[in-house]
Amino acid sequence: MTNQPPSRTIKKLLIGDDGTITMRFKGASQLVIAQALDIKRDADGTPVYLCLDRLIHRPFEASLRVDTDDLPFSSLNVSGCVATELSVS
């Protein structure tokens, strides 16, 4: 059994009109900024898939917790080796 640290928690996730993604993780003051290469939304306009132009996840992370008031889901699946893909499970 591997001893993996718990997944990080996203406290802020903003998607700009130009596709800029701004994210802040719990316990961190630094913002993560990336450009969305692809965004898929559900019928209500809520983002359910983001493909970013860079890696923002750590090698051991398979999911990230989401703790924001403006998103209706509590976790995102993460994958990718060149760019991070985030998707609602």
N, C-alpha and C. Protein backbone atom coordinates (compact mmCIF):
# COMPACT_ATOMS: atom_id res chain seq x y z
N MET A 1 0.84 -1.18 0.00
CA MET A 1 0.00 0.00 0.00
C MET A 1 0.88 1.24 0.00
N THR A 2 0.59 2.18 -0.88
CA THR A 2 1.39 3.40 -0.94
C THR A 2 0.86 4.41 0.06
N ASN A 3 1.76 5.21 0.58
CA ASN A 3 1.39 6.23 1.54
C ASN A 3 1.32 7.57 0.84
N GLN A 4 0.17 7.87 0.26
CA GLN A 4 0.01 9.10 -0.49
C GLN A 4 -0.61 10.17 0.40
N PRO A 5 -0.12 11.41 0.29
CA PRO A 5 -0.74 12.48 1.05
C PRO A 5 -2.17 12.73 0.58
N PRO A 6 -3.01 13.31 1.42
CA PRO A 6 -4.38 13.58 0.98
C PRO A 6 -4.39 14.59 -0.16
N SER A 7 -5.43 14.52 -0.97
CA SER A 7 -5.50 15.44 -2.10
C SER A 7 -5.68 16.87 -1.60
N ARG A 8 -5.21 17.81 -2.40
CA ARG A 8 -5.33 19.22 -2.04
C ARG A 8 -6.77 19.68 -2.29
N THR A 9 -7.09 20.82 -1.69
CA THR A 9 -8.43 21.38 -1.81
C THR A 9 -8.38 22.71 -2.55
N ILE A 10 -9.20 22.84 -3.58
CA ILE A 10 -9.33 24.09 -4.32
C ILE A 10 -10.29 24.98 -3.55
N LYS A 11 -9.82 26.17 -3.17
CA LYS A 11 -10.65 27.12 -2.44
C LYS A 11 -11.21 28.20 -3.36
N LYS A 12 -10.59 28.42 -4.50
CA LYS A 12 -11.05 29.44 -5.44
C LYS A 12 -10.81 28.92 -6.85
N LEU A 13 -11.81 29.04 -7.71
CA LEU A 13 -11.67 28.63 -9.11
C LEU A 13 -12.49 29.60 -9.95
N LEU A 14 -11.78 30.41 -10.72
CA LEU A 14 -12.43 31.39 -11.58
C LEU A 14 -12.06 31.11 -13.03
N ILE A 15 -13.04 31.25 -13.92
CA ILE A 15 -12.82 31.07 -15.35
C ILE A 15 -13.15 32.40 -16.03
N GLY A 16 -12.14 33.03 -16.57
CA GLY A 16 -12.33 34.32 -17.25
C GLY A 16 -12.95 34.15 -18.62
N ASP A 17 -13.50 35.22 -19.15
CA ASP A 17 -14.11 35.20 -20.49
C ASP A 17 -13.11 34.82 -21.57
N ASP A 18 -11.83 35.10 -21.33
CA ASP A 18 -10.78 34.78 -22.30
C ASP A 18 -10.20 33.38 -22.11
N GLY A 19 -10.77 32.60 -21.16
CA GLY A 19 -10.30 31.25 -20.92
C GLY A 19 -9.20 31.15 -19.88
N THR A 20 -8.89 32.26 -19.22
CA THR A 20 -7.89 32.23 -18.15
C THR A 20 -8.49 31.58 -16.91
N ILE A 21 -7.78 30.60 -16.38
CA ILE A 21 -8.20 29.91 -15.16
C ILE A 21 -7.36 30.43 -14.00
N THR A 22 -8.02 30.88 -12.95
CA THR A 22 -7.34 31.32 -11.74
C THR A 22 -7.80 30.42 -10.61
N MET A 23 -6.84 29.84 -9.92
CA MET A 23 -7.14 28.85 -8.90
C MET A 23 -6.28 29.11 -7.66
N ARG A 24 -6.86 28.88 -6.48
CA ARG A 24 -6.09 28.95 -5.25
C ARG A 24 -6.40 27.72 -4.43
N PHE A 25 -5.35 27.10 -3.91
CA PHE A 25 -5.49 25.91 -3.08
C PHE A 25 -5.53 26.30 -1.61
N LYS A 26 -6.24 25.53 -0.81
CA LYS A 26 -6.32 25.75 0.63
C LYS A 26 -4.91 25.72 1.22
N GLY A 27 -4.62 26.70 2.06
CA GLY A 27 -3.32 26.77 2.72
C GLY A 27 -2.24 27.44 1.90
N ALA A 28 -2.57 27.89 0.70
CA ALA A 28 -1.59 28.55 -0.16
C ALA A 28 -2.06 29.97 -0.45
N SER A 29 -1.13 30.90 -0.45
CA SER A 29 -1.50 32.27 -0.78
C SER A 29 -1.27 32.57 -2.26
N GLN A 30 -0.42 31.79 -2.90
CA GLN A 30 -0.10 32.00 -4.30
C GLN A 30 -1.21 31.47 -5.20
N LEU A 31 -1.58 32.25 -6.21
CA LEU A 31 -2.58 31.82 -7.18
C LEU A 31 -1.92 30.97 -8.26
N VAL A 32 -2.66 30.02 -8.78
CA VAL A 32 -2.24 29.24 -9.95
C VAL A 32 -3.03 29.81 -11.13
N ILE A 33 -2.31 30.23 -12.15
CA ILE A 33 -2.96 30.80 -13.33
C ILE A 33 -2.57 29.97 -14.55
N ALA A 34 -3.57 29.58 -15.33
CA ALA A 34 -3.34 28.78 -16.53
C ALA A 34 -4.35 29.21 -17.59
N GLN A 35 -4.11 28.79 -18.80
CA GLN A 35 -5.03 29.05 -19.91
C GLN A 35 -5.78 27.77 -20.22
N ALA A 36 -7.08 27.86 -20.38
CA ALA A 36 -7.87 26.69 -20.75
C ALA A 36 -7.74 26.44 -22.25
N LEU A 37 -7.36 25.22 -22.59
CA LEU A 37 -7.31 24.81 -23.99
C LEU A 37 -8.68 24.32 -24.45
N ASP A 38 -9.45 23.79 -23.50
CA ASP A 38 -10.79 23.29 -23.79
C ASP A 38 -11.63 23.40 -22.52
N ILE A 39 -12.88 23.80 -22.67
CA ILE A 39 -13.83 23.86 -21.57
C ILE A 39 -15.12 23.23 -22.05
N LYS A 40 -15.63 22.26 -21.29
CA LYS A 40 -16.94 21.68 -21.59
C LYS A 40 -17.86 22.03 -20.42
N ARG A 41 -19.08 22.41 -20.73
CA ARG A 41 -20.05 22.81 -19.71
C ARG A 41 -21.30 21.96 -19.82
N ASP A 42 -22.02 21.83 -18.70
CA ASP A 42 -23.28 21.11 -18.73
C ASP A 42 -24.38 22.06 -19.21
N ALA A 43 -25.62 21.60 -19.21
CA ALA A 43 -26.74 22.39 -19.72
C ALA A 43 -26.95 23.69 -18.94
N ASP A 44 -26.54 23.70 -17.67
CA ASP A 44 -26.69 24.90 -16.83
C ASP A 44 -25.52 25.87 -16.97
N GLY A 45 -24.50 25.49 -17.74
CA GLY A 45 -23.34 26.35 -17.92
C GLY A 45 -22.22 26.11 -16.92
N THR A 46 -22.39 25.12 -16.06
CA THR A 46 -21.36 24.79 -15.08
C THR A 46 -20.24 24.03 -15.77
N PRO A 47 -18.99 24.42 -15.56
CA PRO A 47 -17.88 23.69 -16.20
C PRO A 47 -17.77 22.27 -15.63
N VAL A 48 -17.68 21.28 -16.52
CA VAL A 48 -17.55 19.89 -16.09
C VAL A 48 -16.25 19.27 -16.59
N TYR A 49 -15.52 19.99 -17.46
CA TYR A 49 -14.23 19.52 -17.98
C TYR A 49 -13.38 20.72 -18.34
N LEU A 50 -12.14 20.70 -17.89
CA LEU A 50 -11.17 21.74 -18.23
C LEU A 50 -9.88 21.07 -18.66
N CYS A 51 -9.33 21.49 -19.77
CA CYS A 51 -8.00 21.06 -20.20
C CYS A 51 -7.12 22.30 -20.15
N LEU A 52 -6.09 22.27 -19.32
CA LEU A 52 -5.23 23.42 -19.10
C LEU A 52 -3.96 23.34 -19.93
N ASP A 53 -3.31 24.46 -20.12
CA ASP A 53 -2.11 24.52 -20.95
C ASP A 53 -0.84 24.14 -20.19
N ARG A 54 -0.96 23.69 -18.97
CA ARG A 54 0.21 23.30 -18.17
C ARG A 54 -0.22 22.31 -17.09
N LEU A 55 0.75 21.72 -16.45
CA LEU A 55 0.48 20.83 -15.33
C LEU A 55 0.29 21.67 -14.07
N ILE A 56 -0.80 21.42 -13.36
CA ILE A 56 -1.00 22.08 -12.08
C ILE A 56 -1.16 21.05 -10.96
N HIS A 57 -1.24 19.77 -11.33
CA HIS A 57 -1.39 18.74 -10.31
C HIS A 57 -0.06 18.04 -10.06
N ARG A 58 0.00 17.36 -8.95
CA ARG A 58 1.20 16.63 -8.56
C ARG A 58 1.11 15.20 -9.09
N PRO A 59 2.25 14.53 -9.26
CA PRO A 59 2.24 13.19 -9.88
C PRO A 59 1.35 12.17 -9.17
N PHE A 60 1.20 12.27 -7.86
CA PHE A 60 0.42 11.28 -7.11
C PHE A 60 -1.06 11.62 -7.04
N GLU A 61 -1.47 12.79 -7.49
CA GLU A 61 -2.86 13.23 -7.34
C GLU A 61 -3.75 12.65 -8.44
N ALA A 62 -4.82 12.00 -8.01
CA ALA A 62 -5.82 11.49 -8.94
C ALA A 62 -7.10 12.32 -8.87
N SER A 63 -7.22 13.10 -7.79
CA SER A 63 -8.38 13.97 -7.63
C SER A 63 -8.01 15.16 -6.76
N LEU A 64 -8.82 16.19 -6.87
CA LEU A 64 -8.69 17.38 -6.04
C LEU A 64 -10.04 17.66 -5.42
N ARG A 65 -10.04 18.02 -4.15
CA ARG A 65 -11.28 18.43 -3.50
C ARG A 65 -11.62 19.85 -3.94
N VAL A 66 -12.91 20.16 -3.96
CA VAL A 66 -13.38 21.50 -4.32
C VAL A 66 -14.23 22.02 -3.17
N ASP A 67 -13.85 23.17 -2.63
CA ASP A 67 -14.58 23.78 -1.52
C ASP A 67 -14.82 25.25 -1.84
N THR A 68 -15.70 25.49 -2.80
CA THR A 68 -16.08 26.85 -3.19
C THR A 68 -17.59 26.95 -3.15
N ASP A 69 -18.09 28.14 -2.95
CA ASP A 69 -19.54 28.34 -2.88
C ASP A 69 -20.20 28.36 -4.25
N ASP A 70 -19.41 28.61 -5.30
CA ASP A 70 -20.02 28.80 -6.61
C ASP A 70 -20.01 27.57 -7.52
N LEU A 71 -19.48 26.44 -7.04
CA LEU A 71 -19.48 25.22 -7.85
C LEU A 71 -20.26 24.12 -7.13
N PRO A 72 -21.12 23.40 -7.86
CA PRO A 72 -22.01 22.42 -7.24
C PRO A 72 -21.40 21.03 -7.03
N PHE A 73 -20.10 20.87 -7.17
CA PHE A 73 -19.49 19.56 -6.98
C PHE A 73 -18.37 19.67 -5.95
N SER A 74 -17.98 18.53 -5.37
CA SER A 74 -17.02 18.54 -4.25
C SER A 74 -15.66 17.98 -4.62
N SER A 75 -15.51 17.46 -5.83
CA SER A 75 -14.20 16.95 -6.24
C SER A 75 -14.08 16.97 -7.76
N LEU A 76 -12.83 16.97 -8.21
CA LEU A 76 -12.51 16.90 -9.63
C LEU A 76 -11.49 15.79 -9.84
N ASN A 77 -11.68 14.99 -10.87
CA ASN A 77 -10.67 14.02 -11.27
C ASN A 77 -9.57 14.78 -12.00
N VAL A 78 -8.32 14.38 -11.78
CA VAL A 78 -7.22 15.02 -12.49
C VAL A 78 -6.42 13.96 -13.24
N SER A 79 -5.91 14.35 -14.40
CA SER A 79 -5.06 13.45 -15.18
C SER A 79 -4.21 14.31 -16.10
N GLY A 80 -3.26 13.68 -16.75
CA GLY A 80 -2.42 14.37 -17.72
C GLY A 80 -0.95 14.30 -17.39
N CYS A 81 -0.13 14.24 -18.42
CA CYS A 81 1.33 14.21 -18.23
C CYS A 81 1.99 15.43 -18.85
N VAL A 82 1.34 16.15 -19.73
CA VAL A 82 1.85 17.37 -20.34
C VAL A 82 0.96 18.56 -19.96
N ALA A 83 -0.32 18.32 -19.87
CA ALA A 83 -1.30 19.33 -19.48
C ALA A 83 -2.27 18.70 -18.49
N THR A 84 -2.76 19.47 -17.56
CA THR A 84 -3.73 18.94 -16.59
C THR A 84 -5.13 18.95 -17.18
N GLU A 85 -5.81 17.83 -17.02
CA GLU A 85 -7.22 17.73 -17.37
C GLU A 85 -8.00 17.56 -16.07
N LEU A 86 -9.01 18.39 -15.89
CA LEU A 86 -9.87 18.34 -14.71
C LEU A 86 -11.26 17.97 -15.18
N SER A 87 -11.88 16.98 -14.53
CA SER A 87 -13.24 16.59 -14.93
C SER A 87 -14.05 16.21 -13.70
N VAL A 88 -15.34 16.48 -13.80
CA VAL A 88 -16.27 16.13 -12.73
C VAL A 88 -16.54 14.64 -12.84
N SER A 89 -16.51 13.96 -11.69
CA SER A 89 -16.74 12.51 -11.71
C SER A 89 -18.21 12.17 -11.76
